[in-house]
Amino acid sequence: MIWLIGSGLMSIDYAKVLDAQGCDYQVVGRGSDSAASFTEKTGKAVICGGLAQHIANTKAVAEAAIVSVGVAQLYETTKQLIEAGVKKILVEKPGATTLAEIEELRQLSEQHGCAVYIAYNRRFFSSVLEAQRLIEQEGGVTSFNFELTEWAHVIEKIDKPQEVLNKWFLANSTHVADLAFYLGGKPRDICCFIQGSLNWHQAGSVFSGAGMTEQGALFNYAANWESAGRWSVEVLTKENRYVFRPMEALQVQKRGTIPLVAVEVDDALDKEFKPGLFKQVEAFLGDDARLLCRLEEQCSLFPIYEKMAGYQS
């Protein structure tokens, strides 16, 4: 049995994947409005009242759980599941909003023998999987760069708690940073520069930095939340430059040439389901979690993300 925690829009995407994979699962939610919408769109009933009540009322704990609640509830929900005895958890990014919380989850998961993974679904894009194969053939990454620009004029109108908006780099931009460091390597050294601020994100609005990975690859990044831009990642080998712009597509610039050429990928699953989600869930429920972001990995990257964003631990 799998528990899907939350009945919002992301949970609807998860339900579609779980149904397609023939999984036995229960949906646990809080509010009746989101539950009614979920049932209308999926045909699946929601157990309302919240997770704590469900745990208290059930005899059998799920073998696995997927946490698809709001960012502000990720830490507490995951903590409840670990303490209840669930042995495998996939929690939406970033897992928590402070280093203390993410470290507490790591310690709890070790004590209870629970494997926890952070759901960065872009690792499972068809474009990314193909790029990994090509990069390995060409001897690995020599350098990379990425852009994490967020559209402030759009985000400021989103109905999100201020505590989440204040940590928007963690809550959203780490989608890009995780993919860049996943493909290019974890930073060994990093130097970060931050300027500006926004009403909803006081820590900064313009970000730039550079560093070196543990494997010796150089990287740089930039983001200007007060100007134009978009998410992108560029990864270079000795032979080619691989470009994710948009992230779902892969282009290549071959050494000695100028044009960017589209790389053909089998993206049927990314078109039928939310991109990356089918293979992410498949990896989580199967015996191959190599591509997933382990909680321990997120703990090691959290201080780097906080430094990049200008957050105080």
Protein backbone atom coordinates (compact mmCIF):
# COMPACT_ATOMS: atom_id res chain seq x y z
CA MET A 1 0.00 0.00 0.00
CA ILE A 2 1.16 3.51 -0.89
CA TRP A 3 -0.05 6.71 0.76
CA LEU A 4 -0.32 9.80 -1.44
CA ILE A 5 -0.36 12.73 0.97
CA GLY A 6 -2.12 15.80 -0.37
CA SER A 7 -4.96 16.29 -2.85
CA GLY A 8 -3.83 19.38 -4.76
CA LEU A 9 -2.81 19.77 -8.40
CA MET A 10 0.53 17.98 -8.03
CA SER A 11 -1.19 15.03 -6.37
CA ILE A 12 -3.50 14.75 -9.38
CA ASP A 13 -0.39 14.30 -11.55
CA TYR A 14 0.94 11.67 -9.16
CA ALA A 15 -2.40 9.83 -9.14
CA LYS A 16 -2.36 9.63 -12.93
CA VAL A 17 1.08 7.98 -12.79
CA LEU A 18 0.17 5.63 -9.94
CA ASP A 19 -2.94 4.52 -11.82
CA ALA A 20 -0.93 3.91 -14.99
CA GLN A 21 1.56 1.79 -13.03
CA GLY A 22 -1.24 -0.25 -11.44
CA CYS A 23 -0.40 0.79 -7.88
CA ASP A 24 -2.54 0.18 -4.81
CA TYR A 25 -2.73 3.52 -3.02
CA GLN A 26 -4.76 5.73 -0.71
CA VAL A 27 -5.01 9.51 -0.92
CA VAL A 28 -4.89 11.42 2.37
CA GLY A 29 -5.85 15.10 2.39
CA ARG A 30 -6.99 17.88 4.69
CA GLY A 31 -9.57 20.17 3.11
CA SER A 32 -12.87 19.08 1.58
CA ASP A 33 -12.67 21.54 -1.35
CA SER A 34 -9.38 20.22 -2.74
CA ALA A 35 -10.52 16.66 -2.03
CA ALA A 36 -13.71 17.18 -4.06
CA SER A 37 -11.73 18.63 -6.96
CA PHE A 38 -9.24 15.75 -6.77
CA THR A 39 -12.01 13.13 -6.85
CA GLU A 40 -13.73 14.89 -9.74
CA LYS A 41 -10.57 14.83 -11.84
CA THR A 42 -9.23 11.38 -10.89
CA GLY A 43 -12.24 9.36 -9.74
CA LYS A 44 -10.28 8.48 -6.60
CA ALA A 45 -11.72 9.10 -3.13
CA VAL A 46 -9.75 11.15 -0.61
CA ILE A 47 -9.47 10.34 3.09
CA CYS A 48 -10.02 13.77 4.65
CA GLY A 49 -9.03 15.06 8.06
CA GLY A 50 -5.27 15.17 7.65
CA LEU A 51 -2.39 12.76 8.10
CA ALA A 52 -2.24 12.74 11.90
CA GLN A 53 -5.87 11.67 12.12
CA HIS A 54 -5.37 9.02 9.45
CA ILE A 55 -2.37 7.54 11.25
CA ALA A 56 -4.33 7.44 14.52
CA ASN A 57 -7.27 5.70 12.86
CA THR A 58 -5.40 3.11 10.80
CA LYS A 59 -3.90 -0.18 11.91
CA ALA A 60 -1.61 -0.82 8.96
CA VAL A 61 1.04 1.72 7.98
CA ALA A 62 1.85 2.12 4.28
CA GLU A 63 5.09 0.63 2.96
CA ALA A 64 5.75 3.81 0.97
CA ALA A 65 4.45 7.37 0.84
CA ILE A 66 4.55 10.27 -1.58
CA VAL A 67 4.36 13.70 0.05
CA SER A 68 2.71 16.23 -2.25
CA VAL A 69 1.60 18.99 0.10
CA GLY A 70 2.46 22.69 0.24
CA VAL A 71 6.09 23.66 0.85
CA ALA A 72 5.27 24.91 4.36
CA GLN A 73 3.90 21.48 5.34
CA LEU A 74 6.61 19.26 3.80
CA TYR A 75 8.81 19.00 6.90
CA GLU A 76 6.06 18.23 9.42
CA THR A 77 4.30 15.77 7.10
CA THR A 78 7.51 13.86 6.37
CA LYS A 79 8.37 13.81 10.07
CA GLN A 80 4.98 12.29 10.92
CA LEU A 81 5.42 9.59 8.29
CA ILE A 82 8.90 8.65 9.48
CA GLU A 83 7.76 8.43 13.10
CA ALA A 84 4.71 6.38 12.07
CA GLY A 85 6.99 3.71 10.60
CA VAL A 86 6.78 4.30 6.82
CA LYS A 87 10.01 2.89 5.38
CA LYS A 88 10.21 4.70 2.03
CA ILE A 89 9.20 8.32 1.33
CA LEU A 90 9.29 10.52 -1.76
CA VAL A 91 8.80 14.15 -0.70
CA GLU A 92 8.36 17.13 -2.99
CA LYS A 93 11.24 19.58 -3.17
CA PRO A 94 12.88 21.07 -1.21
CA GLY A 95 11.81 18.73 1.64
CA ALA A 96 12.04 21.51 4.24
CA THR A 97 12.83 25.23 4.31
CA THR A 98 15.67 25.34 6.87
CA LEU A 99 18.90 23.45 7.35
CA ALA A 100 17.83 22.52 10.90
CA GLU A 101 14.63 20.91 9.60
CA ILE A 102 16.30 18.97 6.79
CA GLU A 103 19.00 17.77 9.19
CA GLU A 104 16.38 16.65 11.72
CA LEU A 105 14.62 14.65 9.02
CA ARG A 106 17.93 13.02 8.09
CA GLN A 107 18.61 12.01 11.70
CA LEU A 108 15.05 10.72 12.17
CA SER A 109 15.19 8.70 8.95
CA GLU A 110 18.42 7.05 10.09
CA GLN A 111 16.96 6.23 13.52
CA HIS A 112 13.81 4.69 12.01
CA GLY A 113 15.45 2.96 9.03
CA CYS A 114 13.50 5.03 6.52
CA ALA A 115 14.76 5.90 3.02
CA VAL A 116 13.75 9.45 2.10
CA TYR A 117 14.12 10.99 -1.36
CA ILE A 118 13.52 14.52 -2.64
CA ALA A 119 11.35 14.71 -5.75
CA TYR A 120 13.37 16.63 -8.33
CA ASN A 121 11.54 15.27 -11.36
CA ARG A 122 13.75 17.08 -13.89
CA ARG A 123 16.41 14.43 -13.27
CA PHE A 124 14.06 12.06 -15.10
CA PHE A 125 13.29 14.19 -18.16
CA SER A 126 13.92 12.24 -21.37
CA SER A 127 16.23 15.08 -22.43
CA VAL A 128 18.31 14.67 -19.27
CA LEU A 129 18.54 10.88 -19.50
CA GLU A 130 19.75 11.16 -23.11
CA ALA A 131 22.25 13.89 -22.20
CA GLN A 132 23.66 11.70 -19.42
CA ARG A 133 24.28 8.91 -21.91
CA LEU A 134 26.03 11.24 -24.37
CA ILE A 135 28.08 12.99 -21.69
CA GLU A 136 29.36 9.65 -20.38
CA GLN A 137 30.35 8.61 -23.91
CA GLU A 138 32.37 11.82 -24.27
CA GLY A 139 34.35 11.45 -21.06
CA GLY A 140 32.31 13.54 -18.66
CA VAL A 141 31.62 17.20 -17.89
CA THR A 142 34.43 19.76 -18.16
CA SER A 143 32.34 22.87 -17.31
CA PHE A 144 28.74 24.02 -17.01
CA ASN A 145 26.59 27.08 -16.42
CA PHE A 146 22.99 27.70 -15.47
CA GLU A 147 20.41 30.46 -15.11
CA LEU A 148 17.82 30.52 -12.31
CA THR A 149 15.83 33.63 -13.21
CA GLU A 150 12.37 33.74 -11.67
CA TRP A 151 9.57 35.94 -13.01
CA ALA A 152 8.99 38.21 -10.02
CA HIS A 153 6.02 39.96 -11.63
CA VAL A 154 4.23 36.59 -11.78
CA ILE A 155 5.36 35.15 -8.45
CA GLU A 156 4.32 38.19 -6.42
CA LYS A 157 0.71 37.45 -7.41
CA ILE A 158 0.81 33.78 -6.42
CA ASP A 159 -1.26 32.80 -3.39
CA LYS A 160 1.55 31.40 -1.25
CA PRO A 161 2.44 31.95 2.43
CA GLN A 162 5.04 34.67 2.97
CA GLU A 163 7.31 32.15 4.68
CA VAL A 164 7.42 30.18 1.43
CA LEU A 165 7.94 33.24 -0.79
CA ASN A 166 10.81 34.33 1.48
CA LYS A 167 12.50 31.01 0.64
CA TRP A 168 11.54 30.92 -3.04
CA PHE A 169 15.08 30.03 -4.12
CA LEU A 170 14.81 26.83 -2.08
CA ALA A 171 11.16 26.23 -2.87
CA ASN A 172 11.48 26.61 -6.64
CA SER A 173 14.88 27.62 -8.05
CA THR A 174 16.60 24.53 -6.67
CA HIS A 175 14.90 22.64 -9.51
CA VAL A 176 17.56 24.20 -11.75
CA ALA A 177 20.45 24.08 -9.29
CA ASP A 178 19.78 20.42 -8.49
CA LEU A 179 19.79 19.47 -12.16
CA ALA A 180 22.96 21.45 -12.84
CA PHE A 181 24.86 19.88 -9.93
CA TYR A 182 23.37 16.46 -10.70
CA LEU A 183 24.76 16.57 -14.24
CA GLY A 184 27.89 18.61 -13.60
CA GLY A 185 28.97 17.55 -10.13
CA LYS A 186 28.60 18.68 -6.53
CA PRO A 187 30.46 21.94 -5.70
CA ARG A 188 33.73 21.70 -3.84
CA ASP A 189 34.26 25.48 -3.81
CA ILE A 190 31.75 28.22 -4.56
CA CYS A 191 31.81 32.02 -4.47
CA CYS A 192 28.45 33.82 -4.41
CA PHE A 193 27.35 37.42 -5.02
CA ILE A 194 23.91 38.83 -4.21
CA GLN A 195 22.30 42.21 -4.77
CA GLY A 196 18.87 43.79 -4.46
CA SER A 197 15.70 42.64 -2.73
CA LEU A 198 12.00 42.24 -3.37
CA ASN A 199 9.04 42.85 -1.10
CA TRP A 200 8.38 39.11 -0.97
CA HIS A 201 12.04 37.98 -1.09
CA GLN A 202 14.21 40.25 1.03
CA ALA A 203 17.35 38.09 0.80
CA GLY A 204 18.11 39.19 -2.77
CA SER A 205 16.90 39.61 -6.34
CA VAL A 206 20.09 39.41 -8.44
CA PHE A 207 22.38 36.42 -7.99
CA SER A 208 25.69 35.40 -9.50
CA GLY A 209 28.49 33.03 -8.66
CA ALA A 210 31.08 30.52 -9.75
CA GLY A 211 32.95 27.54 -8.45
CA MET A 212 34.57 24.17 -8.96
CA THR A 213 33.05 20.71 -8.50
CA GLU A 214 34.53 17.81 -6.59
CA GLN A 215 35.56 16.35 -9.97
CA GLY A 216 37.33 19.57 -11.03
CA ALA A 217 34.74 20.96 -13.46
CA LEU A 218 34.30 24.74 -13.41
CA PHE A 219 30.83 26.28 -13.30
CA ASN A 220 29.06 29.62 -13.10
CA TYR A 221 25.46 30.73 -12.62
CA ALA A 222 23.32 33.86 -12.71
CA ALA A 223 19.76 35.00 -12.04
CA ASN A 224 18.10 38.40 -12.22
CA TRP A 225 14.61 38.30 -10.75
CA GLU A 226 14.06 41.98 -11.62
CA SER A 227 14.68 41.56 -15.35
CA ALA A 228 14.05 39.18 -18.24
CA GLY A 229 15.27 35.61 -18.35
CA ARG A 230 14.37 31.96 -18.00
CA TRP A 231 15.62 28.71 -16.56
CA SER A 232 18.42 27.02 -18.46
CA VAL A 233 21.35 24.66 -18.03
CA GLU A 234 24.36 24.26 -20.34
CA VAL A 235 26.77 21.37 -19.89
CA LEU A 236 30.06 21.12 -21.79
CA THR A 237 32.24 18.12 -22.56
CA LYS A 238 35.49 18.07 -24.56
CA GLU A 239 33.38 17.48 -27.67
CA ASN A 240 30.04 19.27 -27.33
CA ARG A 241 27.87 21.82 -25.53
CA TYR A 242 24.50 20.42 -24.39
CA VAL A 243 21.78 23.01 -23.85
CA PHE A 244 18.53 22.63 -21.86
CA ARG A 245 16.48 25.69 -22.85
CA PRO A 246 13.64 24.89 -22.25
CA MET A 247 14.56 22.20 -19.76
CA GLU A 248 12.37 19.58 -21.45
CA ALA A 249 14.33 19.83 -24.71
CA LEU A 250 17.94 18.97 -25.51
CA GLN A 251 20.06 20.81 -28.07
CA VAL A 252 23.69 20.28 -28.97
CA GLN A 253 26.36 22.61 -30.29
CA LYS A 254 29.14 20.51 -31.75
CA ARG A 255 32.74 21.58 -31.36
CA GLY A 256 33.83 23.80 -34.24
CA THR A 257 30.25 24.69 -35.25
CA ILE A 258 27.81 27.50 -34.43
CA PRO A 259 24.24 26.16 -34.81
CA LEU A 260 22.32 24.57 -31.96
CA VAL A 261 20.83 21.31 -33.23
CA ALA A 262 17.89 19.53 -31.59
CA VAL A 263 18.71 16.09 -30.17
CA GLU A 264 16.02 13.53 -30.83
CA VAL A 265 14.73 11.87 -27.65
CA ASP A 266 11.93 9.44 -26.85
CA ASP A 267 9.70 11.75 -24.82
CA ALA A 268 6.40 9.86 -25.11
CA LEU A 269 6.07 9.48 -21.34
CA ASP A 270 6.91 13.16 -20.79
CA LYS A 271 4.03 14.09 -23.07
CA GLU A 272 1.51 11.68 -21.58
CA PHE A 273 2.34 12.54 -17.96
CA LYS A 274 3.91 15.48 -16.16
CA PRO A 275 7.49 15.45 -17.55
CA GLY A 276 9.82 13.20 -15.58
CA LEU A 277 7.15 12.04 -13.15
CA PHE A 278 6.48 8.56 -14.54
CA LYS A 279 10.11 7.45 -14.42
CA GLN A 280 10.68 9.18 -11.08
CA VAL A 281 7.84 7.23 -9.44
CA GLU A 282 8.97 4.06 -11.20
CA ALA A 283 12.48 4.49 -9.77
CA PHE A 284 11.12 5.28 -6.30
CA LEU A 285 8.84 2.24 -6.13
CA GLY A 286 11.30 -0.07 -7.86
CA ASP A 287 14.71 -1.25 -6.79
CA ASP A 288 16.69 1.41 -8.65
CA ALA A 289 16.91 4.68 -6.73
CA ARG A 290 20.30 5.71 -8.15
CA LEU A 291 18.92 8.72 -10.00
CA LEU A 292 16.82 10.00 -7.10
CA CYS A 293 18.00 12.76 -4.79
CA ARG A 294 18.63 11.12 -1.43
CA LEU A 295 17.85 13.08 1.73
CA GLU A 296 21.54 12.86 2.67
CA GLU A 297 22.45 14.48 -0.63
CA GLN A 298 19.94 17.29 -0.05
CA CYS A 299 21.43 17.86 3.41
CA SER A 300 24.90 18.30 1.91
CA LEU A 301 23.64 20.73 -0.75
CA PHE A 302 21.39 22.77 1.56
CA PRO A 303 24.20 25.03 2.91
CA ILE A 304 25.27 25.71 -0.69
CA TYR A 305 21.73 26.66 -1.69
CA GLU A 306 21.44 28.95 1.33
CA LYS A 307 24.74 30.63 0.42
CA MET A 308 23.62 31.10 -3.19
CA ALA A 309 20.31 32.63 -2.05
CA GLY A 310 21.65 34.73 0.82
CA TYR A 311 19.67 32.91 3.49
CA GLN A 312 20.78 32.75 7.10
CA SER A 313 20.72 29.27 8.71
